[in-house]
N, C-alpha and C. Protein backbone atom coordinates (compact mmCIF):
# COMPACT_ATOMS: atom_id res chain seq x y z
N UNK A 1 13.53 -63.95 21.80
CA UNK A 1 13.94 -62.62 22.18
C UNK A 1 15.45 -62.57 22.34
N UNK A 2 16.03 -61.51 21.87
CA UNK A 2 17.48 -61.31 21.89
C UNK A 2 17.94 -60.91 23.28
N UNK A 3 19.12 -61.36 23.68
CA UNK A 3 19.70 -60.91 24.95
C UNK A 3 19.97 -59.41 24.86
N UNK A 4 19.87 -58.74 26.00
CA UNK A 4 20.08 -57.29 26.04
C UNK A 4 21.46 -56.92 25.52
N UNK A 5 22.47 -57.71 25.85
CA UNK A 5 23.83 -57.42 25.38
C UNK A 5 23.94 -57.54 23.86
N UNK A 6 23.22 -58.49 23.26
CA UNK A 6 23.22 -58.63 21.79
C UNK A 6 22.54 -57.42 21.14
N UNK A 7 21.45 -56.98 21.73
CA UNK A 7 20.74 -55.83 21.19
C UNK A 7 21.62 -54.58 21.29
N UNK A 8 22.28 -54.39 22.43
CA UNK A 8 23.19 -53.24 22.58
C UNK A 8 24.28 -53.27 21.53
N UNK A 9 24.74 -54.46 21.19
CA UNK A 9 25.77 -54.60 20.15
C UNK A 9 25.24 -54.15 18.79
N UNK A 10 23.98 -54.46 18.48
CA UNK A 10 23.38 -53.99 17.23
C UNK A 10 23.33 -52.46 17.20
N UNK A 11 23.02 -51.85 18.34
CA UNK A 11 22.99 -50.39 18.42
C UNK A 11 24.40 -49.83 18.20
N UNK A 12 25.39 -50.45 18.82
CA UNK A 12 26.78 -50.00 18.64
C UNK A 12 27.21 -50.13 17.18
N UNK A 13 26.83 -51.22 16.53
CA UNK A 13 27.15 -51.40 15.11
C UNK A 13 26.48 -50.32 14.26
N UNK A 14 25.24 -49.99 14.57
CA UNK A 14 24.53 -48.95 13.82
C UNK A 14 25.23 -47.59 14.00
N UNK A 15 25.73 -47.32 15.19
CA UNK A 15 26.49 -46.09 15.43
C UNK A 15 27.78 -46.09 14.61
N UNK A 16 28.47 -47.22 14.62
CA UNK A 16 29.73 -47.34 13.87
C UNK A 16 29.53 -47.19 12.37
N UNK A 17 28.34 -47.54 11.89
CA UNK A 17 28.04 -47.50 10.45
C UNK A 17 27.55 -46.13 9.96
N UNK A 18 27.45 -45.16 10.86
CA UNK A 18 27.00 -43.83 10.43
C UNK A 18 28.00 -43.24 9.45
N UNK A 19 27.52 -42.54 8.43
CA UNK A 19 28.44 -41.86 7.51
C UNK A 19 29.30 -40.86 8.29
N UNK A 20 30.57 -40.75 7.91
CA UNK A 20 31.50 -39.86 8.60
C UNK A 20 31.01 -38.44 8.71
N UNK A 21 30.36 -37.94 7.66
CA UNK A 21 29.92 -36.55 7.68
C UNK A 21 28.90 -36.27 8.78
N UNK A 22 28.25 -37.30 9.29
CA UNK A 22 27.36 -37.15 10.43
C UNK A 22 28.06 -37.51 11.73
N UNK A 23 28.74 -38.64 11.73
CA UNK A 23 29.41 -39.11 12.94
C UNK A 23 30.41 -38.09 13.47
N UNK A 24 31.09 -37.38 12.58
CA UNK A 24 32.09 -36.39 13.00
C UNK A 24 31.48 -35.21 13.75
N UNK A 25 30.17 -35.04 13.65
CA UNK A 25 29.51 -33.90 14.29
C UNK A 25 28.71 -34.28 15.52
N UNK A 26 28.83 -35.53 15.95
CA UNK A 26 28.15 -35.98 17.16
C UNK A 26 29.06 -35.73 18.35
N UNK A 27 28.63 -34.87 19.26
CA UNK A 27 29.41 -34.64 20.47
C UNK A 27 28.44 -34.40 21.62
N UNK A 28 28.89 -34.77 22.79
CA UNK A 28 28.08 -34.63 24.00
C UNK A 28 26.73 -35.33 23.82
N UNK A 29 26.79 -36.54 23.29
CA UNK A 29 25.60 -37.34 23.02
C UNK A 29 25.79 -38.73 23.60
N UNK A 30 24.80 -39.18 24.35
CA UNK A 30 24.82 -40.51 24.93
C UNK A 30 23.71 -41.33 24.29
N UNK A 31 24.02 -42.57 23.93
CA UNK A 31 23.02 -43.47 23.35
C UNK A 31 22.79 -44.60 24.35
N UNK A 32 21.54 -44.73 24.77
CA UNK A 32 21.16 -45.73 25.76
C UNK A 32 20.23 -46.76 25.13
N UNK A 33 20.18 -47.93 25.74
CA UNK A 33 19.21 -48.96 25.36
C UNK A 33 18.41 -49.29 26.60
N UNK A 34 17.08 -49.21 26.46
CA UNK A 34 16.18 -49.63 27.54
C UNK A 34 15.20 -50.64 26.97
N UNK A 35 14.63 -51.43 27.85
CA UNK A 35 13.70 -52.47 27.41
C UNK A 35 12.40 -51.86 26.88
N UNK A 36 11.81 -50.94 27.63
CA UNK A 36 10.50 -50.37 27.27
C UNK A 36 10.47 -48.88 27.56
N UNK A 37 9.69 -48.13 26.79
CA UNK A 37 9.49 -46.72 27.12
C UNK A 37 8.55 -46.58 28.32
N UNK A 38 8.78 -45.57 29.11
CA UNK A 38 7.90 -45.30 30.25
C UNK A 38 6.71 -44.46 29.78
N UNK A 39 5.72 -44.31 30.65
CA UNK A 39 4.58 -43.45 30.34
C UNK A 39 5.08 -42.02 30.10
N UNK A 40 6.09 -41.60 30.85
CA UNK A 40 6.66 -40.25 30.67
C UNK A 40 7.32 -40.13 29.29
N UNK A 41 8.02 -41.17 28.85
CA UNK A 41 8.63 -41.16 27.51
C UNK A 41 7.56 -40.97 26.45
N UNK A 42 6.48 -41.73 26.57
CA UNK A 42 5.39 -41.64 25.59
C UNK A 42 4.76 -40.25 25.61
N UNK A 43 4.56 -39.70 26.80
CA UNK A 43 3.96 -38.38 26.92
C UNK A 43 4.87 -37.31 26.32
N UNK A 44 6.18 -37.50 26.42
CA UNK A 44 7.15 -36.54 25.87
C UNK A 44 6.91 -36.31 24.39
N UNK A 45 6.54 -37.36 23.68
CA UNK A 45 6.32 -37.25 22.24
C UNK A 45 4.83 -37.23 21.87
N UNK A 46 3.98 -37.07 22.88
CA UNK A 46 2.55 -36.94 22.63
C UNK A 46 1.83 -38.23 22.34
N UNK A 47 2.36 -39.34 22.83
CA UNK A 47 1.71 -40.64 22.63
C UNK A 47 1.07 -41.10 23.93
N UNK A 48 0.01 -41.88 23.82
CA UNK A 48 -0.65 -42.43 24.98
C UNK A 48 -0.15 -43.83 25.28
N UNK A 49 -0.58 -44.37 26.41
CA UNK A 49 -0.18 -45.73 26.76
C UNK A 49 -0.70 -46.68 25.69
N UNK A 50 0.05 -47.72 25.45
CA UNK A 50 -0.30 -48.68 24.41
C UNK A 50 0.25 -48.30 23.05
N UNK A 51 0.84 -47.11 22.94
CA UNK A 51 1.45 -46.67 21.69
C UNK A 51 2.83 -47.29 21.54
N UNK A 52 3.34 -47.27 20.33
CA UNK A 52 4.65 -47.84 20.05
C UNK A 52 5.67 -46.73 19.89
N UNK A 53 6.78 -46.85 20.61
CA UNK A 53 7.87 -45.90 20.51
C UNK A 53 9.16 -46.71 20.42
N UNK A 54 9.88 -46.57 19.31
CA UNK A 54 11.13 -47.30 19.10
C UNK A 54 12.34 -46.56 19.65
N UNK A 55 12.29 -45.23 19.61
CA UNK A 55 13.42 -44.44 20.07
C UNK A 55 12.97 -43.07 20.51
N UNK A 56 13.84 -42.38 21.26
CA UNK A 56 13.52 -41.08 21.80
C UNK A 56 14.78 -40.23 21.87
N UNK A 57 14.70 -39.02 21.33
CA UNK A 57 15.78 -38.05 21.46
C UNK A 57 15.38 -37.03 22.51
N UNK A 58 16.27 -36.78 23.47
CA UNK A 58 16.05 -35.78 24.49
C UNK A 58 17.28 -34.89 24.55
N UNK A 59 17.06 -33.62 24.31
CA UNK A 59 18.17 -32.68 24.34
C UNK A 59 17.82 -31.42 23.58
N UNK A 60 18.85 -30.65 23.28
CA UNK A 60 18.70 -29.42 22.53
C UNK A 60 19.33 -29.64 21.16
N UNK A 61 18.53 -29.62 20.09
CA UNK A 61 19.08 -29.86 18.75
C UNK A 61 20.21 -28.87 18.42
N UNK A 62 21.14 -29.31 17.60
CA UNK A 62 22.27 -28.46 17.22
C UNK A 62 21.82 -27.12 16.67
N UNK A 63 20.70 -27.10 15.97
CA UNK A 63 20.22 -25.87 15.36
C UNK A 63 19.71 -24.86 16.38
N UNK A 64 19.53 -25.29 17.63
CA UNK A 64 19.00 -24.40 18.67
C UNK A 64 20.02 -24.10 19.77
N UNK A 65 21.22 -24.59 19.62
CA UNK A 65 22.23 -24.41 20.67
C UNK A 65 22.97 -23.09 20.52
N UNK A 66 23.41 -22.59 21.66
CA UNK A 66 24.28 -21.43 21.66
C UNK A 66 25.69 -21.86 21.30
N UNK A 67 26.60 -20.95 21.35
CA UNK A 67 27.98 -21.24 20.95
C UNK A 67 28.83 -21.81 22.06
N UNK A 68 28.33 -21.85 23.30
CA UNK A 68 29.13 -22.31 24.43
C UNK A 68 28.52 -23.56 25.07
N UNK A 69 28.98 -24.75 24.65
CA UNK A 69 28.42 -25.99 25.21
C UNK A 69 29.04 -26.37 26.55
N UNK A 70 29.96 -25.60 27.04
CA UNK A 70 30.68 -25.91 28.26
C UNK A 70 29.72 -26.20 29.42
N UNK A 71 29.91 -27.34 30.06
CA UNK A 71 29.12 -27.71 31.21
C UNK A 71 27.73 -28.23 30.90
N UNK A 72 27.38 -28.33 29.64
CA UNK A 72 26.04 -28.79 29.26
C UNK A 72 25.91 -30.29 29.49
N UNK A 73 24.75 -30.70 29.96
CA UNK A 73 24.49 -32.13 30.07
C UNK A 73 24.43 -32.73 28.68
N UNK A 74 24.78 -34.01 28.56
CA UNK A 74 24.72 -34.62 27.22
C UNK A 74 23.27 -34.79 26.75
N UNK A 75 23.09 -34.69 25.45
CA UNK A 75 21.82 -35.08 24.85
C UNK A 75 21.76 -36.60 24.94
N UNK A 76 20.55 -37.15 24.92
CA UNK A 76 20.39 -38.59 25.08
C UNK A 76 19.46 -39.13 23.99
N UNK A 77 19.91 -40.19 23.35
CA UNK A 77 19.05 -40.97 22.46
C UNK A 77 18.85 -42.31 23.15
N UNK A 78 17.58 -42.69 23.29
CA UNK A 78 17.26 -43.99 23.90
C UNK A 78 16.60 -44.85 22.83
N UNK A 79 17.10 -46.06 22.68
CA UNK A 79 16.53 -47.04 21.77
C UNK A 79 15.82 -48.09 22.63
N UNK A 80 14.56 -48.40 22.29
CA UNK A 80 13.75 -49.31 23.09
C UNK A 80 13.70 -50.70 22.45
N UNK A 81 14.28 -51.66 23.14
CA UNK A 81 14.42 -53.01 22.62
C UNK A 81 13.08 -53.72 22.44
N UNK A 82 12.23 -53.69 23.44
CA UNK A 82 10.97 -54.44 23.40
C UNK A 82 10.10 -54.11 22.19
N UNK A 83 9.78 -52.83 21.97
CA UNK A 83 8.91 -52.50 20.82
C UNK A 83 9.53 -52.90 19.48
N UNK A 84 10.84 -52.75 19.36
CA UNK A 84 11.49 -53.13 18.10
C UNK A 84 11.40 -54.64 17.89
N UNK A 85 11.68 -55.40 18.93
CA UNK A 85 11.61 -56.86 18.78
C UNK A 85 10.18 -57.34 18.51
N UNK A 86 9.21 -56.72 19.16
CA UNK A 86 7.81 -57.12 18.91
C UNK A 86 7.43 -56.83 17.46
N UNK A 87 7.82 -55.67 16.96
CA UNK A 87 7.50 -55.33 15.57
C UNK A 87 8.12 -56.35 14.62
N UNK A 88 9.34 -56.77 14.93
CA UNK A 88 10.08 -57.66 14.03
C UNK A 88 9.82 -59.13 14.29
N UNK A 89 9.07 -59.43 15.33
CA UNK A 89 8.71 -60.83 15.65
C UNK A 89 9.92 -61.75 15.70
N UNK A 90 11.02 -61.21 16.27
CA UNK A 90 12.20 -62.04 16.47
C UNK A 90 13.11 -62.23 15.27
N UNK A 91 12.76 -61.66 14.14
CA UNK A 91 13.61 -61.81 12.94
C UNK A 91 14.81 -60.87 13.07
N UNK A 92 15.99 -61.45 13.21
CA UNK A 92 17.19 -60.67 13.51
C UNK A 92 17.48 -59.60 12.45
N UNK A 93 17.33 -59.92 11.19
CA UNK A 93 17.63 -58.92 10.16
C UNK A 93 16.67 -57.74 10.24
N UNK A 94 15.43 -58.01 10.56
CA UNK A 94 14.45 -56.94 10.76
C UNK A 94 14.84 -56.09 11.97
N UNK A 95 15.24 -56.73 13.06
CA UNK A 95 15.67 -55.99 14.26
C UNK A 95 16.85 -55.11 13.91
N UNK A 96 17.82 -55.66 13.21
CA UNK A 96 19.01 -54.90 12.81
C UNK A 96 18.62 -53.66 11.97
N UNK A 97 17.73 -53.87 11.01
CA UNK A 97 17.29 -52.77 10.14
C UNK A 97 16.51 -51.72 10.93
N UNK A 98 15.63 -52.17 11.83
CA UNK A 98 14.82 -51.22 12.62
C UNK A 98 15.70 -50.43 13.59
N UNK A 99 16.69 -51.07 14.17
CA UNK A 99 17.63 -50.36 15.06
C UNK A 99 18.34 -49.27 14.26
N UNK A 100 18.83 -49.62 13.09
CA UNK A 100 19.55 -48.66 12.24
C UNK A 100 18.64 -47.48 11.87
N UNK A 101 17.42 -47.77 11.43
CA UNK A 101 16.48 -46.71 11.04
C UNK A 101 16.11 -45.83 12.23
N UNK A 102 15.87 -46.46 13.37
CA UNK A 102 15.49 -45.71 14.57
C UNK A 102 16.63 -44.81 15.04
N UNK A 103 17.83 -45.34 15.06
CA UNK A 103 18.98 -44.54 15.48
C UNK A 103 19.16 -43.34 14.54
N UNK A 104 19.08 -43.57 13.25
CA UNK A 104 19.25 -42.47 12.30
C UNK A 104 18.12 -41.44 12.43
N UNK A 105 16.93 -41.90 12.70
CA UNK A 105 15.79 -41.00 12.91
C UNK A 105 16.06 -40.09 14.11
N UNK A 106 16.49 -40.68 15.21
CA UNK A 106 16.75 -39.90 16.42
C UNK A 106 17.95 -38.96 16.23
N UNK A 107 18.95 -39.39 15.50
CA UNK A 107 20.09 -38.53 15.20
C UNK A 107 19.65 -37.35 14.33
N UNK A 108 18.68 -37.58 13.45
CA UNK A 108 18.14 -36.47 12.65
C UNK A 108 17.56 -35.40 13.58
N UNK A 109 16.86 -35.83 14.64
CA UNK A 109 16.33 -34.86 15.62
C UNK A 109 17.48 -34.13 16.31
N UNK A 110 18.56 -34.82 16.62
CA UNK A 110 19.74 -34.20 17.22
C UNK A 110 20.25 -33.06 16.32
N UNK A 111 20.20 -33.28 15.01
CA UNK A 111 20.64 -32.26 14.05
C UNK A 111 19.56 -31.21 13.77
N UNK A 112 18.39 -31.34 14.41
CA UNK A 112 17.35 -30.33 14.28
C UNK A 112 16.34 -30.60 13.19
N UNK A 113 16.28 -31.82 12.68
CA UNK A 113 15.33 -32.16 11.62
C UNK A 113 14.06 -32.70 12.26
N UNK A 114 12.94 -32.07 11.97
CA UNK A 114 11.65 -32.46 12.56
C UNK A 114 11.07 -33.69 11.87
N UNK A 115 10.06 -34.28 12.51
CA UNK A 115 9.34 -35.40 11.89
C UNK A 115 8.69 -34.97 10.59
N UNK A 116 8.12 -33.76 10.56
CA UNK A 116 7.49 -33.26 9.33
C UNK A 116 8.52 -33.17 8.20
N UNK A 117 9.70 -32.67 8.51
CA UNK A 117 10.74 -32.54 7.48
C UNK A 117 11.23 -33.93 7.04
N UNK A 118 11.34 -34.85 7.97
CA UNK A 118 11.74 -36.22 7.60
C UNK A 118 10.71 -36.83 6.64
N UNK A 119 9.43 -36.56 6.88
CA UNK A 119 8.38 -37.04 5.99
C UNK A 119 8.54 -36.42 4.61
N UNK A 120 8.79 -35.09 4.58
CA UNK A 120 9.01 -34.41 3.30
C UNK A 120 10.19 -35.00 2.53
N UNK A 121 11.22 -35.40 3.25
CA UNK A 121 12.41 -35.95 2.63
C UNK A 121 12.25 -37.42 2.23
N UNK A 122 11.09 -38.01 2.56
CA UNK A 122 10.84 -39.40 2.19
C UNK A 122 11.49 -40.40 3.11
N UNK A 123 11.77 -40.00 4.34
CA UNK A 123 12.42 -40.90 5.29
C UNK A 123 11.47 -41.96 5.84
N UNK A 124 10.17 -41.79 5.59
CA UNK A 124 9.18 -42.77 6.10
C UNK A 124 8.54 -43.47 4.95
């Protein structure tokens, strides 16, 4: 299992590797790393206990925001280390790839792209 600081570094690298056309439009967004999703996190996306959740976007997508963001709390993307590492069985390159895919998936939600649309676009 990877140290938490090493995993956070992979998330930071994935953020740094975002294409400029997307990265330039990220504002008032916080990216967190937690070990495991809570029951509340799972319920937020309609999953039951024992389900796998790699990441979670919480906020108001850009497509639904008004024109005045002043005073708004930041949107939050949480990446869950435990489920990603279990899926990858400790293989670092797999962890790196899954972190990148998960972060981009959650950023798509930030931009207002639904899971159904991501499926249509062939993201899965």
